Amino acid sequence: MRAGHSKSTALFIALGTVVAVLAFALNVGWIVLHWRTGVLLFFGVLFFGLIITGVVLNTIFLVREIRRNERHNAFINAVTHELKTPVASIRLYLETMQTRQVEEAKRREFQDIMIQDCDRLLHTIDQVLRAGQAASSVKLFAGSRIDVAEIVEECLSIARARHHLPFDTLRFVRGIPANVTATVMGDIHELKTAIGNLIDNAIKYSGPKIEVLVELVKEEDNVLVRVKDQGVGIPRQELKRIFKRFYRIPETVASRVKGMGLGLFIVDSVAKRHAGKVYAESAGSGQGSTFTLKLPAAPESS
């Protein structure tokens, strides 16, 4: 599938290049032959510029459409997989309990697995719905006062349970004094989703050895949440593109990790709605990554 799309993209680029070169050669030749006629020369230069501009814009549009379709197709495939796998698992365990006599201990084990599969389904659906909401609204959010440290600790606890990780694989470092609060104004559910997505992302791309560090610091009038991993890293040219909807890094170890290309897009949207921003840092492939969520600190309460 990807090879076919790549060939289509290369074909449109080559076609646009050939047409542009031919148009350039014809117009230059025409101008050389009719340089004595001022009016014809003027219109020749004008039409030359219009033709070249039109060809270039048309080629750019076609290539963008092809790449957008590739991302949409990848997203549909990912969502289909994320929905089909837990549904098939739940059906299998239900059929087993329906057709066989299952011991009580085994029945409880099956029920626990089905609950986990249901949680996975709900998480997938929630991500898709939140992505749709994020795409339709970018207004700033006032909300209520929120202690970011409490959100981080809750998200880490949920991540340990969801991924069945020992406590020391996900570490939390509070880089502010104990008597200082890191509070922001906003929506607690959206901020939980954003921080949770950053932690899940770090876990997924850590490779076989998971070591994730979450730091909470205050810089001037901002609260920063930094999520660091020692995983596959990000090529430098991809650091800004990864926050686009449906975008996944092509042809790398990271591209083989299952996902829908929505997590970081949601984080970016939540950050903008809270008058903040998110950015990624990485020394390159295999060098780990650091994601920083930067939010304006809430004013001191009187």
Foldseek 3Di string as FASTA:
>chain_A
DVVVLVVVLVVLVVVLVVVLVVLVVVLVVVCVVPVVDPVVNVVSVVVSVVVNVVSVVVSVVVNVVSVVVVLVVLLVVLLCCLQPVLVVLLVVLVVPVVPDPDDPVVNVVSVVSNVLSVVSNVVSVVLVVLLVVLVVDQAAFFAAKDFVVVLLVVLLVVVCVSVVHDPQLEEEAEPDDPVDTFIAGGDSVLSSLLSNLLQVLQQQFQPPRRHWYWYWDDDDQKIKIKIWHQGFWAAPVCFVVLLDASDDDPDGPRNPGRDNSRSSVSNQSRLSNQVWGKTKDTPHTSGIIMIMRMHGGDDDDD
